[in-house]
Protein backbone atom coordinates (compact mmCIF):
# COMPACT_ATOMS: atom_id res chain seq x y z
CA UNK A 1 0.00 0.00 0.00
CA UNK A 2 1.09 3.55 -0.55
CA UNK A 3 -0.31 7.03 -0.04
CA UNK A 4 -0.73 9.25 -3.07
CA UNK A 5 -1.77 12.87 -3.48
CA UNK A 6 -3.24 14.54 -6.55
CA UNK A 7 -5.91 13.54 -9.04
CA UNK A 8 -3.44 11.48 -11.07
CA UNK A 9 -5.21 12.03 -14.38
CA UNK A 10 -8.01 9.55 -13.69
CA UNK A 11 -11.48 10.24 -15.05
CA UNK A 12 -13.26 10.16 -11.71
CA UNK A 13 -16.61 10.92 -13.38
CA UNK A 14 -16.60 7.86 -15.62
CA UNK A 15 -19.15 5.28 -14.46
CA UNK A 16 -20.42 2.00 -15.84
CA UNK A 17 -23.53 3.51 -17.42
CA UNK A 18 -21.28 5.24 -19.97
CA UNK A 19 -20.57 1.81 -21.48
CA UNK A 20 -24.23 1.20 -22.37
CA UNK A 21 -25.35 4.60 -23.60
CA UNK A 22 -25.93 5.56 -27.23
CA UNK A 23 -24.31 2.88 -29.44
CA UNK A 24 -24.00 0.60 -26.38
CA UNK A 25 -27.71 0.54 -25.59
CA UNK A 26 -28.26 -2.75 -27.44
CA UNK A 27 -25.36 -4.56 -25.76
CA UNK A 28 -25.70 -7.16 -23.03
CA UNK A 29 -24.95 -5.05 -19.96
CA UNK A 30 -22.16 -6.42 -17.77
CA UNK A 31 -20.93 -2.91 -16.99
CA UNK A 32 -23.57 -1.59 -14.57
CA UNK A 33 -23.90 -3.11 -11.10
CA UNK A 34 -27.70 -2.88 -10.87
CA UNK A 35 -29.37 -6.27 -10.37
CA UNK A 36 -31.03 -7.48 -13.54
CA UNK A 37 -34.82 -7.90 -13.88
CA UNK A 38 -35.56 -5.23 -11.28
CA UNK A 39 -37.51 -3.48 -9.87
CA UNK A 40 -39.91 -6.36 -9.12
CA UNK A 41 -43.60 -5.97 -9.93
CA UNK A 42 -44.65 -5.47 -6.30
CA UNK A 43 -42.18 -2.60 -5.90
CA UNK A 44 -43.32 -0.95 -9.13
CA UNK A 45 -46.87 -1.10 -7.77
CA UNK A 46 -45.80 0.53 -4.48
CA UNK A 47 -44.09 3.34 -6.39
CA UNK A 48 -47.02 3.77 -8.77
CA UNK A 49 -49.39 4.00 -5.81
CA UNK A 50 -47.46 7.01 -4.52
CA UNK A 51 -48.22 9.04 -7.64
CA UNK A 52 -51.60 10.03 -6.25
CA UNK A 53 -49.71 12.04 -3.60
CA UNK A 54 -47.63 14.13 -5.99
CA UNK A 55 -49.61 17.31 -5.36
CA UNK A 56 -48.33 17.39 -1.77
CA UNK A 57 -44.76 18.14 -0.72
CA UNK A 58 -42.74 15.03 0.15
CA UNK A 59 -42.93 13.92 3.78
CA UNK A 60 -40.03 11.65 4.66
CA UNK A 61 -40.92 10.90 8.26
CA UNK A 62 -42.42 7.46 7.69
CA UNK A 63 -39.59 6.32 5.43
CA UNK A 64 -36.97 7.66 7.81
CA UNK A 65 -38.60 5.82 10.70
CA UNK A 66 -38.74 2.63 8.63
CA UNK A 67 -35.02 2.81 7.85
CA UNK A 68 -34.25 3.51 11.51
CA UNK A 69 -36.29 0.49 12.57
CA UNK A 70 -34.62 -1.71 9.95
CA UNK A 71 -31.20 -0.97 11.49
CA UNK A 72 -32.32 -0.61 15.10
CA UNK A 73 -31.21 3.00 15.53
CA UNK A 74 -33.01 6.26 16.47
CA UNK A 75 -34.35 8.38 13.62
CA UNK A 76 -31.83 11.07 14.58
CA UNK A 77 -29.14 8.76 13.19
CA UNK A 78 -30.79 8.47 9.73
CA UNK A 79 -30.75 10.77 6.71
CA UNK A 80 -32.52 9.92 3.45
CA UNK A 81 -30.73 11.03 0.30
CA UNK A 82 -31.22 11.10 -3.45
CA UNK A 83 -28.97 8.07 -3.84
CA UNK A 84 -25.63 7.45 -2.17
CA UNK A 85 -24.01 9.89 -4.60
CA UNK A 86 -25.84 12.81 -2.97
CA UNK A 87 -24.54 11.67 0.40
CA UNK A 88 -20.95 11.96 -0.82
CA UNK A 89 -21.60 15.51 -1.99
CA UNK A 90 -23.16 16.43 1.36
CA UNK A 91 -20.21 14.99 3.28
CA UNK A 92 -17.76 16.90 1.10
CA UNK A 93 -19.60 20.20 1.49
CA UNK A 94 -20.83 20.05 5.07
CA UNK A 95 -17.94 18.57 7.04
CA UNK A 96 -14.96 20.72 7.94
CA UNK A 97 -11.98 18.46 7.40
CA UNK A 98 -8.27 19.13 7.05
CA UNK A 99 -6.93 15.89 5.58
CA UNK A 100 -9.41 13.64 3.77
CA UNK A 101 -8.13 10.25 2.64
CA UNK A 102 -9.86 7.90 0.21
CA UNK A 103 -8.88 4.23 0.14
CA UNK A 104 -8.60 3.06 -3.49
CA UNK A 105 -9.40 1.32 -5.75
CA UNK A 106 -13.01 2.15 -4.95
CA UNK A 107 -16.03 4.06 -6.26
CA UNK A 108 -14.62 7.34 -7.51
CA UNK A 109 -17.52 9.64 -6.67
CA UNK A 110 -16.42 10.29 -3.04
CA UNK A 111 -13.09 11.68 -4.20
CA UNK A 112 -14.68 13.63 -7.04
CA UNK A 113 -17.13 15.25 -4.61
CA UNK A 114 -14.35 16.15 -2.18
CA UNK A 115 -12.27 17.72 -4.93
CA UNK A 116 -15.27 19.65 -6.26
CA UNK A 117 -15.75 21.05 -2.75
CA UNK A 118 -12.17 22.35 -2.75
CA UNK A 119 -10.48 19.66 -0.67
CA UNK A 120 -7.00 18.32 -1.36
CA UNK A 121 -7.46 14.55 -1.23
CA UNK A 122 -4.86 11.93 -0.36
CA UNK A 123 -5.17 8.36 -1.55
CA UNK A 124 -4.21 5.11 0.06
CA UNK A 125 -3.74 2.62 -2.78
CA UNK A 126 -4.37 -1.05 -2.00
CA UNK A 127 -2.18 -3.41 -4.01
CA UNK A 128 -3.12 -6.25 -6.33
CA UNK A 129 -0.28 -8.31 -4.82
CA UNK A 130 -2.11 -8.13 -1.47
CA UNK A 131 -5.46 -9.02 -3.01
CA UNK A 132 -6.52 -5.39 -2.49
CA UNK A 133 -6.90 -6.13 1.22
CA UNK A 134 -6.88 -3.32 3.76
CA UNK A 135 -4.04 -2.84 6.18
CA UNK A 136 -5.37 -0.29 8.67
CA UNK A 137 -1.89 1.00 9.51
CA UNK A 138 -1.48 2.32 5.96
CA UNK A 139 -3.95 5.14 6.58
CA UNK A 140 -2.19 8.32 7.80
CA UNK A 141 -2.75 8.90 11.49
CA UNK A 142 -3.67 12.55 10.98
CA UNK A 143 -6.44 11.83 8.45
CA UNK A 144 -9.65 13.31 9.84
CA UNK A 145 -11.89 11.86 7.11
CA UNK A 146 -11.40 8.34 5.73
CA UNK A 147 -13.58 6.82 3.00
CA UNK A 148 -13.65 3.11 2.17
CA UNK A 149 -16.12 0.80 0.41
CA UNK A 150 -17.26 -2.57 1.74
CA UNK A 151 -17.67 -4.73 -0.25
CA UNK A 152 -15.50 -2.54 -2.42
CA UNK A 153 -16.42 -1.47 -5.92
CA UNK A 154 -14.65 -2.50 -8.21
CA UNK A 155 -12.46 -5.09 -6.42
CA UNK A 156 -15.37 -7.09 -4.89
CA UNK A 157 -13.27 -7.43 -1.72
CA UNK A 158 -15.19 -7.73 1.54
CA UNK A 159 -13.02 -6.30 4.31
CA UNK A 160 -13.45 -7.68 7.83
CA UNK A 161 -15.49 -5.32 9.98
CA UNK A 162 -12.74 -5.52 12.59
CA UNK A 163 -10.17 -4.18 10.09
CA UNK A 164 -12.38 -1.24 9.18
CA UNK A 165 -13.22 -0.32 12.76
CA UNK A 166 -9.47 -0.17 13.45
CA UNK A 167 -9.54 2.98 11.32
CA UNK A 168 -11.80 4.79 13.80
CA UNK A 169 -10.22 7.54 15.89
CA UNK A 170 -11.51 10.36 18.10
CA UNK A 171 -11.87 13.40 15.88
CA UNK A 172 -12.01 11.34 12.67
CA UNK A 173 -15.06 10.70 10.48
CA UNK A 174 -14.94 7.18 9.09
CA UNK A 175 -17.19 6.81 6.03
CA UNK A 176 -18.01 3.27 4.92
CA UNK A 177 -19.82 2.85 1.61
CA UNK A 178 -22.00 -0.25 2.00
CA UNK A 179 -23.92 0.24 -1.25
CA UNK A 180 -23.47 -3.45 -2.13
CA UNK A 181 -23.65 -4.98 1.35
CA UNK A 182 -27.18 -6.28 0.83
CA UNK A 183 -25.80 -8.45 -2.01
CA UNK A 184 -23.63 -10.29 0.54
CA UNK A 185 -25.44 -13.29 2.09
CA UNK A 186 -26.18 -12.45 5.71
CA UNK A 187 -24.57 -9.01 5.24
CA UNK A 188 -21.40 -10.35 6.81
CA UNK A 189 -19.04 -7.63 8.03
CA UNK A 190 -21.76 -4.95 7.90
CA UNK A 191 -21.34 -1.90 10.12
CA UNK A 192 -24.74 -0.34 9.46
CA UNK A 193 -26.52 0.05 12.77
CA UNK A 194 -23.34 0.07 14.85
CA UNK A 195 -23.31 2.95 17.34
CA UNK A 196 -20.20 1.94 19.30
CA UNK A 197 -17.64 3.03 16.67
CA UNK A 198 -16.60 6.68 17.09
CA UNK A 199 -17.23 8.86 14.04
CA UNK A 200 -18.70 6.02 11.98
CA UNK A 201 -20.87 7.05 9.02
CA UNK A 202 -22.36 4.30 6.85
CA UNK A 203 -23.90 4.89 3.42
CA UNK A 204 -26.45 2.55 1.90
CA UNK A 205 -28.00 2.55 -1.56
CA UNK A 206 -31.34 1.04 -2.53
CA UNK A 207 -30.71 1.50 -6.24
CA UNK A 208 -28.44 -1.50 -6.88
CA UNK A 209 -30.42 -4.42 -5.45
CA UNK A 210 -33.83 -3.03 -6.39
CA UNK A 211 -33.11 -1.51 -9.81
CA UNK A 212 -33.91 2.06 -8.80
CA UNK A 213 -30.97 3.94 -10.31
CA UNK A 214 -33.38 6.20 -12.16
CA UNK A 215 -35.33 7.01 -8.99
CA UNK A 216 -32.33 7.95 -6.78
CA UNK A 217 -32.76 6.73 -3.22
CA UNK A 218 -30.26 5.93 -0.48
CA UNK A 219 -29.53 6.85 3.11
CA UNK A 220 -26.86 7.72 5.65
CA UNK A 221 -26.47 6.27 9.13
CA UNK A 222 -24.28 8.15 11.58
CA UNK A 223 -23.91 10.17 14.77
CA UNK A 224 -26.80 12.65 15.27
CA UNK A 225 -24.51 15.68 15.07
CA UNK A 226 -23.12 14.57 11.71
CA UNK A 227 -26.59 13.76 10.41
CA UNK A 228 -27.77 17.23 11.45
CA UNK A 229 -24.86 18.86 9.60
CA UNK A 230 -25.63 16.90 6.45
CA UNK A 231 -29.33 17.68 6.69
CA UNK A 232 -28.59 21.40 6.89
CA UNK A 233 -26.63 21.11 3.65
CA UNK A 234 -29.52 19.45 1.82
CA UNK A 235 -31.98 21.43 -0.27
CA UNK A 236 -35.62 21.40 0.77
CA UNK A 237 -37.50 18.19 -0.06
CA UNK A 238 -34.45 16.42 -1.50
CA UNK A 239 -36.13 13.01 -1.85
CA UNK A 240 -39.23 12.68 -4.01
CA UNK A 241 -42.47 11.08 -2.85
CA UNK A 242 -42.03 8.02 -5.14
CA UNK A 243 -38.49 7.55 -3.81
CA UNK A 244 -39.76 7.77 -0.22
CA UNK A 245 -42.36 5.11 -1.00
CA UNK A 246 -39.63 2.91 -2.44
CA UNK A 247 -37.43 3.41 0.64
CA UNK A 248 -40.21 2.39 2.98
CA UNK A 249 -41.04 -0.66 0.89
CA UNK A 250 -37.42 -1.80 0.45
CA UNK A 251 -36.70 -2.00 4.18
CA UNK A 252 -39.90 -3.91 5.01
CA UNK A 253 -39.54 -7.56 6.14
CA UNK A 254 -40.81 -8.92 2.81
CA UNK A 255 -38.21 -6.96 0.89
CA UNK A 256 -35.38 -7.92 3.24
CA UNK A 257 -36.27 -11.58 2.81
CA UNK A 258 -36.33 -11.21 -0.98
CA UNK A 259 -32.98 -9.40 -0.94
CA UNK A 260 -31.53 -12.21 1.17
CA UNK A 261 -32.63 -14.82 -1.37
CA UNK A 262 -31.24 -12.67 -4.19
CA UNK A 263 -27.88 -12.47 -2.42
CA UNK A 264 -27.60 -16.26 -2.43
CA UNK A 265 -28.51 -16.40 -6.13
CA UNK A 266 -25.89 -13.77 -6.88
CA UNK A 267 -23.30 -15.81 -4.98
CA UNK A 268 -24.11 -18.91 -7.04
CA UNK A 269 -24.04 -16.99 -10.33
CA UNK A 270 -20.77 -15.32 -9.31
CA UNK A 271 -19.20 -18.70 -8.59
CA UNK A 272 -20.13 -19.79 -12.13
CA UNK A 273 -18.57 -16.63 -13.58
CA UNK A 274 -15.38 -16.93 -11.52
CA UNK A 275 -14.97 -20.62 -12.41
CA UNK A 276 -15.34 -19.79 -16.09
CA UNK A 277 -12.82 -16.96 -15.89
CA UNK A 278 -10.32 -19.23 -14.12
CA UNK A 279 -10.35 -21.44 -17.20
CA UNK A 280 -8.62 -18.61 -19.08
CA UNK A 281 -5.69 -18.42 -16.65
CA UNK A 282 -3.41 -19.89 -19.30
CA UNK A 283 -4.26 -16.92 -21.51
CA UNK A 284 -3.25 -14.40 -18.87
CA UNK A 285 -6.65 -13.80 -17.25
CA UNK A 286 -6.63 -13.27 -13.49
CA UNK A 287 -9.66 -12.81 -11.21
CA UNK A 288 -9.43 -11.01 -7.87
CA UNK A 289 -10.57 -13.55 -5.28
CA UNK A 290 -12.40 -14.10 -3.09
CA UNK A 291 -15.07 -11.97 -4.75
CA UNK A 292 -18.01 -11.08 -2.51
CA UNK A 293 -19.95 -8.42 -4.42
CA UNK A 294 -22.30 -8.63 -7.43
CA UNK A 295 -19.32 -8.04 -9.76
CA UNK A 296 -15.77 -9.27 -10.22
CA UNK A 297 -12.52 -7.49 -11.05
CA UNK A 298 -10.49 -9.15 -13.80
CA UNK A 299 -7.02 -8.52 -15.16
CA UNK A 300 -6.70 -9.23 -18.88
CA UNK A 301 -3.61 -8.49 -20.96
CA UNK A 302 -4.57 -5.95 -23.61
CA UNK A 303 -7.91 -5.32 -21.92
CA UNK A 304 -8.71 -2.23 -24.02
CA UNK A 305 -8.66 -4.28 -27.21
CA UNK A 306 -10.57 -7.11 -25.55
CA UNK A 307 -13.29 -4.67 -24.43
CA UNK A 308 -13.62 -3.37 -27.98
CA UNK A 309 -13.93 -6.88 -29.42
CA UNK A 310 -16.44 -7.84 -26.72
CA UNK A 311 -18.57 -4.87 -27.78
CA UNK A 312 -18.47 -6.13 -31.35
CA UNK A 313 -19.61 -9.50 -29.97
CA UNK A 314 -22.50 -7.81 -28.14
CA UNK A 315 -21.20 -7.46 -24.55
CA UNK A 316 -20.32 -4.37 -22.50
CA UNK A 317 -17.96 -4.56 -19.52
CA UNK A 318 -16.65 -1.75 -17.32
CA UNK A 319 -13.18 -0.40 -18.06
CA UNK A 320 -10.91 -0.38 -15.01
CA UNK A 321 -8.34 2.27 -15.79
CA UNK A 322 -10.49 5.13 -14.44
CA UNK A 323 -10.13 3.71 -10.91
CA UNK A 324 -7.05 5.01 -9.05
CA UNK A 325 -4.78 2.07 -8.33
CA UNK A 326 -5.74 0.17 -11.48
CA UNK A 327 -4.42 0.33 -15.04
CA UNK A 328 -5.49 -0.43 -18.57
CA UNK A 329 -5.38 -4.21 -18.11
CA UNK A 330 -8.32 -4.27 -15.69
CA UNK A 331 -12.05 -4.67 -16.31
CA UNK A 332 -15.03 -5.08 -14.00
CA UNK A 333 -17.70 -7.61 -14.92
CA UNK A 334 -21.17 -7.58 -13.35
CA UNK A 335 -22.65 -10.86 -12.18
CA UNK A 336 -25.64 -11.95 -14.22
CA UNK A 337 -27.72 -15.14 -14.48
CA UNK A 338 -26.03 -18.38 -15.50
CA UNK A 339 -27.21 -18.26 -19.12
CA UNK A 340 -25.97 -14.70 -19.64
CA UNK A 341 -22.65 -15.52 -17.98
CA UNK A 342 -22.17 -18.59 -20.17
CA UNK A 343 -22.77 -16.51 -23.29
CA UNK A 344 -20.28 -13.94 -22.10
CA UNK A 345 -17.64 -16.59 -21.39
CA UNK A 346 -18.03 -17.98 -24.91
CA UNK A 347 -17.63 -14.48 -26.35
CA UNK A 348 -14.58 -13.83 -24.17
CA UNK A 349 -12.96 -17.06 -25.30
CA UNK A 350 -13.40 -15.96 -28.91
CA UNK A 351 -11.91 -12.47 -28.44
CA UNK A 352 -8.98 -13.15 -26.10
CA UNK A 353 -5.56 -12.82 -27.71
């Protein structure tokens, strides 16, 4: 691991949806980490039912209480946001920090938001040779804001909760992005709901598991004083009535049970994908293991050319070189159903050098 300062020339605003826009719209989407075949019919009905309330201003109290109950915390520790991305912007603008540190490779929006807010950001780069595992001692002691994902996008590494909590310090805000934690069976290593870790702020997204990227809904869990600061930085009525209805529905017992079943299906489909990718080891393909998220990170020699040939074969994958700590030989591949994965593996076999 090493610490790095400066933007480093990475396109921090590039995200997977760029791979399937315009001429990529007809491709099989392995670039975006939203669960396929979502939102389910029952959730669409819940959202549609909220449309009758559009004449009134949004009232988030019921949804906020539902999220608080889901995690067993007081409502004062919950803030609803227009997706996790808004939460990163609020943290960057509202918190007064001197030395923010982002642990990479990870989702680039936290660093982009911090830089847009005028902060000089340091990076701690996890190494491929270490399996992109966290060593808590690599984070500078004087960092007063630390951001890490778990499970991490794009590496699919699930860090032990104990390792992450070692980063907590008095006077430090520790931000853990758990946008993909509900895709982990049993939500192992989750910190959401913990109130015993000083300065802990956990972000959750409801857009990935439930297919609500176009609706924008997520939430923050943290100390009441931090939540109050973030809320003051929000505009009025930041979360729409349909998004509030979705939030309430997605933390209900029925939804949690469905998400739990989906997590086990994702794990099985991921195992099929990883096993297929291992078969290409003799052609230079390497998968980061163990993978625990709904995507895998893969190193492929000449990945830029391989991505182009995959597009010609009808498949879009996420380029990896926009993530600090990765280079041009990396791609991220979303987990899909067994049939889709098998088709992708056949296409990959045909286009590999």
